[in-house]
Amino acid sequence: MITHQSLHLNSVAEKFDVSRPAISKHIKILTECRLIVIRQEGRHRYCEARLDKLNEVSSWVEQYRKFWTQKLDALETYLEEIQSKQKKQVRSKKNSPGKKRKKGTK
């Protein structure tokens, strides 16, 4: 909505089915995060998006996505190795001849 053009605060509020105070709270938070800027023209206030700030957030998130992807991939590999070893142990126990009891012993 405000990514393409500056909008008067009332125009923003009209686009949503929430109260004007709720819109004001959202605008305030977005302003504090520097994702939008309020520009005053006479009695009117206009919202302008600052999407370059989202690029900063995206870069920050991406470095952690890479970090956790590597860690989770390593965990998956480790768990697969453990599972494989356990399966081999079960097979070898099934295939190995058990100790035969001598006749007359319990």
Protein backbone atom coordinates (compact mmCIF):
# COMPACT_ATOMS: atom_id res chain seq x y z
CA MET A 1 0.00 0.00 0.00
CA ILE A 2 2.53 2.63 1.07
CA THR A 3 5.33 0.87 -0.79
CA HIS A 4 4.27 2.53 -4.04
CA GLN A 5 3.22 5.97 -2.84
CA SER A 6 2.98 8.14 0.26
CA LEU A 7 -0.41 7.93 1.88
CA HIS A 8 -2.27 10.22 4.22
CA LEU A 9 -2.80 8.54 7.62
CA ASN A 10 -6.58 8.54 7.15
CA SER A 11 -6.14 6.78 3.80
CA VAL A 12 -4.10 4.10 5.50
CA ALA A 13 -6.72 3.69 8.24
CA GLU A 14 -9.54 3.36 5.69
CA LYS A 15 -7.86 0.32 4.12
CA PHE A 16 -8.17 -1.74 7.32
CA ASP A 17 -11.07 -2.94 9.39
CA VAL A 18 -9.58 -1.81 12.71
CA SER A 19 -9.94 1.28 14.83
CA ARG A 20 -8.00 4.46 14.16
CA PRO A 21 -6.17 4.14 17.54
CA ALA A 22 -5.05 0.62 16.52
CA ILE A 23 -3.72 1.99 13.22
CA SER A 24 -1.91 4.74 15.13
CA LYS A 25 -0.23 2.16 17.38
CA HIS A 26 0.93 0.15 14.38
CA ILE A 27 2.20 3.30 12.65
CA LYS A 28 4.07 4.30 15.82
CA ILE A 29 5.80 0.90 16.05
CA LEU A 30 6.71 0.94 12.35
CA THR A 31 8.08 4.45 12.79
CA GLU A 32 10.15 3.40 15.81
CA CYS A 33 11.57 0.55 13.75
CA ARG A 34 12.31 3.06 11.00
CA LEU A 35 10.34 1.03 8.47
CA ILE A 36 8.17 4.03 7.71
CA VAL A 37 8.66 7.78 7.99
CA ILE A 38 5.92 10.29 8.73
CA ARG A 39 6.15 13.40 6.60
CA GLN A 40 4.17 16.46 7.68
CA GLU A 41 2.59 18.64 4.98
CA GLY A 42 0.46 21.35 6.49
CA ARG A 43 -2.16 19.69 8.66
CA HIS A 44 -1.74 16.31 6.97
CA ARG A 45 0.68 13.55 7.86
CA TYR A 46 1.87 11.14 5.18
CA CYS A 47 3.42 7.70 5.59
CA GLU A 48 6.37 6.71 3.43
CA ALA A 49 7.87 3.22 3.43
CA ARG A 50 11.59 2.76 4.01
CA LEU A 51 12.06 -0.72 2.62
CA ASP A 52 15.85 -0.51 2.73
CA LYS A 53 15.53 -1.26 6.45
CA LEU A 54 13.89 -4.58 5.58
CA ASN A 55 17.01 -5.47 3.59
CA GLU A 56 19.04 -5.06 6.78
CA VAL A 57 16.66 -7.38 8.63
CA SER A 58 16.72 -9.86 5.77
CA SER A 59 20.54 -9.96 5.78
CA TRP A 60 20.62 -10.50 9.53
CA VAL A 61 18.07 -13.31 9.33
CA GLU A 62 19.89 -14.92 6.39
CA GLN A 63 23.13 -15.34 8.34
CA TYR A 64 21.26 -17.19 11.09
CA ARG A 65 19.31 -19.25 8.58
CA LYS A 66 22.60 -20.45 7.09
CA PHE A 67 24.04 -21.15 10.54
CA TRP A 68 21.06 -23.21 11.69
CA THR A 69 20.70 -25.01 8.36
CA GLN A 70 24.30 -26.23 8.68
CA LYS A 71 23.78 -27.31 12.29
CA LEU A 72 20.54 -29.13 11.54
CA ASP A 73 22.05 -30.84 8.48
CA ALA A 74 24.96 -32.05 10.64
CA LEU A 75 22.51 -33.32 13.26
CA GLU A 76 20.54 -35.17 10.59
CA THR A 77 23.71 -36.81 9.29
CA TYR A 78 24.73 -37.83 12.81
CA LEU A 79 21.31 -39.31 13.57
CA GLU A 80 21.32 -41.24 10.29
CA GLU A 81 24.74 -42.70 11.18
CA ILE A 82 23.52 -43.79 14.60
CA GLN A 83 20.40 -45.34 13.09
CA SER A 84 22.47 -47.19 10.52
CA LYS A 85 24.81 -48.56 13.20
CA GLN A 86 21.85 -49.70 15.30
CA LYS A 87 20.30 -51.50 12.32
CA LYS A 88 23.60 -53.26 11.59
CA GLN A 89 23.87 -54.38 15.21
CA VAL A 90 20.32 -55.77 15.17
CA ARG A 91 21.01 -57.64 11.91
CA SER A 92 24.27 -59.08 13.16
CA LYS A 93 22.58 -60.32 16.35
CA LYS A 94 19.84 -61.99 14.30
CA ASN A 95 22.33 -63.62 11.92
CA SER A 96 24.90 -64.77 14.46
CA PRO A 97 24.38 -68.25 15.88
CA GLY A 98 23.38 -68.12 19.51
CA LYS A 99 25.15 -70.07 22.19
CA LYS A 100 23.83 -73.59 22.20
CA ARG A 101 23.00 -75.09 25.56
CA LYS A 102 24.41 -78.42 26.54
CA LYS A 103 21.92 -81.12 27.04
CA GLY A 104 20.76 -81.46 30.60
CA THR A 105 21.51 -77.81 31.56
CA LYS A 106 19.01 -75.12 32.06
